[in-house]
Amino acid sequence: MTTTTYTTVKEIPIIPATWGDLFKRLDWLNVICFGTPHLFTIWGFMTVSWQWETFVLFLVGLSVSSTGMKLSETFNAHCIILPLAFVVGYHRLWSHRTFVPTRSLEYSLAFVSTSAFQRTILWWARDHRAHHRHIDTDLDPCMANRGFWWRHLGWFLIKPAKVAPVDLTDLTSNPAVMWQVKWYWPMSLVTSFVVPMTIAGLGWGDWKGGLLYAGCLRINLVHNVCLIPSFPVIIIIMLIMLYAGNTIC
């Protein structure tokens, strides 16, 4: 007679219990994408003065690549920044399928939205769909009742213990989406950093300001508004804008 042995599988806690577990489960790609622009921006504040042309470029780039949606929701008013490529594309089109674009518009959104530096359409839409489908459950990637740090940082810096089942067949069969997935990193590095640096450098000689402010600081605001929606963060952003306004050459 054969005896069957059963092995109990220990469930991985949603929030790492120790610092060692935290380190092992860090999503290093997200850590680098989120942390590097912040470090360069801090260096920029200490070493590079604002020029008013670069400040205008910074605002224009913020309008094109990202959205004022979270700011508008926070203050209950449509203000600050126009909602364009990122929210129109990543959020409204590919996550929620709220409209049917022309082919040229879809490819344009797929390209321009890479300047938000928030990884691919597939990555972003998967988490956003999981959030809406499994809201306030263990399968919700950014469940609010897991505490302040998880809600604001942990959900995207730490690899999830449970991955929610989400249907992405409409995206994996979409030529524009898969084109962006294939070429995302070259396109994102160009639109996020090379383009603003080149415009500021060739236009008025501010190569560093173009990279650090129109590039890195813009990305920081995109990340903090879209990934970390909270009133304290919005206040910090407004203080940064005020500082910039007082230091423009």
Protein backbone atom coordinates (compact mmCIF):
# COMPACT_ATOMS: atom_id res chain seq x y z
CA MET A 1 0.00 0.00 0.00
CA THR A 2 1.42 3.37 -1.06
CA THR A 3 1.36 6.25 1.37
CA THR A 4 0.74 9.66 -0.10
CA THR A 5 2.67 12.55 1.40
CA TYR A 6 1.22 16.05 1.24
CA THR A 7 3.34 19.18 1.46
CA THR A 8 1.90 22.36 2.89
CA VAL A 9 2.81 25.41 0.80
CA LYS A 10 3.44 28.49 2.90
CA GLU A 11 1.52 31.47 1.59
CA ILE A 12 3.65 34.53 0.81
CA PRO A 13 2.51 37.52 2.89
CA ILE A 14 1.23 40.45 0.84
CA ILE A 15 3.40 42.88 2.79
CA PRO A 16 6.95 41.54 3.43
CA ALA A 17 7.36 40.64 7.11
CA THR A 18 11.11 41.37 7.39
CA TRP A 19 13.64 43.69 5.78
CA GLY A 20 15.24 40.65 4.14
CA ASP A 21 11.96 39.64 2.53
CA LEU A 22 11.41 43.23 1.44
CA PHE A 23 14.79 43.37 -0.28
CA LYS A 24 14.22 40.03 -2.04
CA ARG A 25 10.84 41.10 -3.37
CA LEU A 26 11.78 44.56 -4.61
CA ASP A 27 10.87 45.17 -8.24
CA TRP A 28 14.24 46.63 -9.18
CA LEU A 29 13.08 47.88 -12.56
CA ASN A 30 10.41 50.00 -10.87
CA VAL A 31 12.85 51.09 -8.17
CA ILE A 32 15.27 52.33 -10.84
CA CYS A 33 12.55 53.97 -12.96
CA PHE A 34 11.09 55.76 -9.94
CA GLY A 35 14.24 56.53 -7.98
CA THR A 36 16.74 57.65 -10.63
CA PRO A 37 14.82 60.74 -11.85
CA HIS A 38 14.36 61.82 -8.21
CA LEU A 39 18.09 61.61 -7.52
CA PHE A 40 18.94 63.57 -10.67
CA THR A 41 16.32 66.20 -9.80
CA ILE A 42 17.78 66.71 -6.32
CA TRP A 43 21.21 67.11 -7.89
CA GLY A 44 19.72 69.60 -10.34
CA PHE A 45 18.18 71.73 -7.58
CA MET A 46 21.60 71.96 -5.93
CA THR A 47 23.68 72.70 -9.03
CA VAL A 48 21.57 74.10 -11.91
CA SER A 49 19.59 77.35 -11.99
CA TRP A 50 16.22 77.53 -13.72
CA GLN A 51 15.90 79.40 -16.99
CA TRP A 52 12.45 80.69 -17.89
CA GLU A 53 12.53 79.00 -21.32
CA THR A 54 13.24 75.66 -19.64
CA PHE A 55 10.40 76.26 -17.18
CA VAL A 56 8.00 76.78 -20.10
CA LEU A 57 9.33 73.62 -21.78
CA PHE A 58 8.85 71.75 -18.49
CA LEU A 59 5.17 72.81 -18.33
CA VAL A 60 4.53 72.01 -21.99
CA GLY A 61 6.15 68.60 -21.64
CA LEU A 62 4.10 67.89 -18.52
CA SER A 63 0.91 68.73 -20.40
CA VAL A 64 1.74 66.57 -23.40
CA SER A 65 3.07 63.47 -21.63
CA SER A 66 0.85 63.28 -18.59
CA THR A 67 -2.35 64.49 -17.05
CA GLY A 68 -3.89 66.84 -14.56
CA MET A 69 -6.54 64.27 -13.81
CA LYS A 70 -5.40 63.35 -10.30
CA LEU A 71 -4.73 66.98 -9.47
CA SER A 72 -8.19 67.88 -10.70
CA GLU A 73 -9.81 65.12 -8.67
CA THR A 74 -7.88 66.13 -5.56
CA PHE A 75 -8.96 69.77 -5.75
CA ASN A 76 -12.35 68.91 -7.27
CA ALA A 77 -11.64 71.22 -10.19
CA HIS A 78 -10.30 70.84 -13.70
CA CYS A 79 -7.09 72.81 -13.44
CA ILE A 80 -3.29 72.91 -13.55
CA ILE A 81 -2.46 70.53 -16.43
CA LEU A 82 -4.34 69.38 -19.52
CA PRO A 83 -5.10 65.62 -19.72
CA LEU A 84 -3.42 64.36 -22.86
CA ALA A 85 -1.36 61.39 -24.04
CA PHE A 86 -0.92 59.33 -20.89
CA VAL A 87 -4.46 59.39 -19.51
CA VAL A 88 -6.09 59.40 -22.93
CA GLY A 89 -3.97 56.41 -23.94
CA TYR A 90 -2.95 54.28 -20.96
CA HIS A 91 -6.00 55.03 -18.85
CA ARG A 92 -9.05 55.78 -20.98
CA LEU A 93 -8.19 53.84 -24.15
CA TRP A 94 -6.17 50.77 -23.22
CA SER A 95 -7.29 50.18 -19.63
CA HIS A 96 -10.99 51.01 -19.99
CA ARG A 97 -11.61 50.87 -23.76
CA THR A 98 -13.79 53.98 -23.63
CA PHE A 99 -13.38 54.95 -27.29
CA VAL A 100 -12.25 53.59 -30.65
CA PRO A 101 -9.26 55.51 -32.08
CA THR A 102 -7.99 55.75 -35.63
CA ARG A 103 -4.84 53.77 -36.30
CA SER A 104 -2.72 56.92 -36.59
CA LEU A 105 -4.05 58.27 -33.27
CA GLU A 106 -3.42 54.97 -31.48
CA TYR A 107 0.18 54.75 -32.66
CA SER A 108 0.72 58.41 -31.80
CA LEU A 109 -0.61 57.91 -28.27
CA ALA A 110 1.50 54.75 -27.87
CA PHE A 111 4.61 56.73 -28.81
CA VAL A 112 4.04 60.03 -26.98
CA SER A 113 2.85 58.37 -23.75
CA THR A 114 6.25 56.69 -23.38
CA SER A 115 7.47 60.12 -22.20
CA ALA A 116 5.63 59.50 -18.91
CA PHE A 117 8.28 56.82 -18.16
CA GLN A 118 5.75 54.45 -16.56
CA ARG A 119 6.63 51.26 -18.39
CA THR A 120 4.56 49.63 -21.09
CA ILE A 121 0.85 49.75 -21.87
CA LEU A 122 0.55 46.07 -20.91
CA TRP A 123 2.17 46.55 -17.51
CA TRP A 124 0.12 49.62 -16.61
CA ALA A 125 -3.22 48.36 -17.94
CA ARG A 126 -2.84 44.97 -16.24
CA ASP A 127 -2.49 46.53 -12.79
CA HIS A 128 -5.20 49.09 -13.42
CA ARG A 129 -7.70 46.49 -14.61
CA ALA A 130 -6.84 44.29 -11.64
CA HIS A 131 -7.45 47.25 -9.34
CA HIS A 132 -10.95 47.85 -10.72
CA ARG A 133 -11.91 44.19 -11.01
CA HIS A 134 -10.71 43.18 -7.52
CA ILE A 135 -11.00 46.49 -5.70
CA ASP A 136 -10.45 46.33 -1.90
CA THR A 137 -9.56 42.63 -1.96
CA ASP A 138 -6.21 40.85 -1.61
CA LEU A 139 -5.96 40.85 -5.42
CA ASP A 140 -6.19 44.64 -5.60
CA PRO A 141 -2.57 45.77 -6.31
CA CYS A 142 -2.95 49.10 -4.49
CA MET A 143 -5.47 48.30 -1.77
CA ALA A 144 -5.82 51.35 0.48
CA ASN A 145 -6.26 49.61 3.85
CA ARG A 146 -2.76 48.09 3.79
CA GLY A 147 -1.34 51.25 5.26
CA PHE A 148 0.19 54.51 4.15
CA TRP A 149 3.50 53.22 2.81
CA TRP A 150 1.98 50.34 0.85
CA ARG A 151 -0.68 52.56 -0.69
CA HIS A 152 1.86 55.17 -1.73
CA LEU A 153 5.01 53.20 -2.54
CA GLY A 154 4.88 49.50 -1.76
CA TRP A 155 2.29 48.43 -4.32
CA PHE A 156 4.53 49.19 -7.28
CA LEU A 157 8.01 48.89 -5.74
CA ILE A 158 7.43 45.38 -4.33
CA LYS A 159 6.58 42.34 -6.44
CA PRO A 160 3.03 41.19 -5.61
CA ALA A 161 2.45 38.05 -3.57
CA LYS A 162 -0.76 37.37 -5.48
CA VAL A 163 -1.28 38.16 -9.15
CA ALA A 164 -4.87 38.84 -10.12
CA PRO A 165 -6.22 37.09 -13.23
CA VAL A 166 -6.88 39.77 -15.83
CA ASP A 167 -7.91 39.39 -19.47
CA LEU A 168 -5.42 41.21 -21.70
CA THR A 169 -6.14 39.43 -24.98
CA ASP A 170 -7.48 42.62 -26.53
CA LEU A 171 -4.12 44.26 -25.86
CA THR A 172 -1.83 41.37 -26.79
CA SER A 173 -3.62 41.16 -30.14
CA ASN A 174 -3.34 44.91 -30.73
CA PRO A 175 -0.50 45.81 -33.17
CA ALA A 176 0.00 49.30 -31.73
CA VAL A 177 0.29 48.00 -28.17
CA MET A 178 2.73 45.24 -29.08
CA TRP A 179 4.77 47.67 -31.20
CA GLN A 180 5.12 49.88 -28.14
CA VAL A 181 6.03 46.90 -25.94
CA LYS A 182 8.78 45.88 -28.38
CA TRP A 183 10.32 49.35 -28.68
CA TYR A 184 9.33 50.84 -25.35
CA TRP A 185 12.73 51.45 -23.76
CA PRO A 186 14.43 53.15 -26.74
CA MET A 187 11.33 55.29 -27.32
CA SER A 188 10.91 56.13 -23.64
CA LEU A 189 14.54 57.16 -23.13
CA VAL A 190 14.35 59.39 -26.20
CA THR A 191 11.00 61.04 -25.41
CA SER A 192 11.66 61.33 -21.67
CA PHE A 193 15.24 62.63 -21.65
CA VAL A 194 16.85 63.13 -25.06
CA VAL A 195 14.08 65.26 -26.60
CA PRO A 196 13.73 67.84 -23.76
CA MET A 197 17.51 68.03 -23.30
CA THR A 198 18.05 68.58 -27.04
CA ILE A 199 15.32 71.22 -27.32
CA ALA A 200 16.67 73.19 -24.36
CA GLY A 201 20.29 72.70 -25.40
CA LEU A 202 19.97 73.69 -29.06
CA GLY A 203 17.29 76.28 -28.34
CA TRP A 204 18.89 78.35 -25.57
CA GLY A 205 21.97 76.48 -24.40
CA ASP A 206 20.46 74.89 -21.27
CA TRP A 207 21.45 71.25 -21.77
CA LYS A 208 21.53 70.40 -18.05
CA GLY A 209 18.27 72.18 -17.29
CA GLY A 210 16.58 70.43 -20.20
CA LEU A 211 17.64 67.05 -18.85
CA LEU A 212 17.15 67.67 -15.13
CA TYR A 213 14.01 69.84 -15.13
CA ALA A 214 12.15 69.35 -18.43
CA GLY A 215 13.16 65.68 -18.24
CA CYS A 216 13.65 64.32 -14.72
CA LEU A 217 11.52 66.75 -12.68
CA ARG A 218 8.66 66.42 -15.16
CA ILE A 219 8.82 62.64 -14.80
CA ASN A 220 8.84 62.97 -11.00
CA LEU A 221 5.59 64.91 -11.10
CA VAL A 222 4.06 62.40 -13.51
CA HIS A 223 5.01 59.54 -11.19
CA ASN A 224 3.88 61.25 -8.00
CA VAL A 225 0.55 62.36 -9.43
CA CYS A 226 -0.30 59.12 -11.23
CA LEU A 227 1.32 56.53 -8.94
CA ILE A 228 1.05 58.21 -5.55
CA PRO A 229 -2.24 60.14 -5.44
CA SER A 230 -2.36 61.93 -2.10
CA PHE A 231 -2.97 65.43 -0.84
CA PRO A 232 0.44 65.75 0.93
CA VAL A 233 2.21 64.83 -2.32
CA ILE A 234 0.23 67.47 -4.20
CA ILE A 235 1.29 70.07 -1.61
CA ILE A 236 4.94 69.06 -2.05
CA ILE A 237 4.57 69.40 -5.81
CA MET A 238 3.12 72.89 -5.43
CA LEU A 239 6.04 73.89 -3.18
CA ILE A 240 8.50 72.66 -5.81
CA MET A 241 6.72 74.74 -8.43
CA LEU A 242 6.89 77.78 -6.14
CA TYR A 243 10.62 77.21 -5.54
CA ALA A 244 11.19 76.98 -9.29
CA GLY A 245 9.30 80.20 -9.87
CA ASN A 246 11.47 82.04 -7.33
CA THR A 247 14.77 80.81 -8.80
CA ILE A 248 14.22 81.33 -12.53
CA CYS A 249 17.04 83.33 -14.09
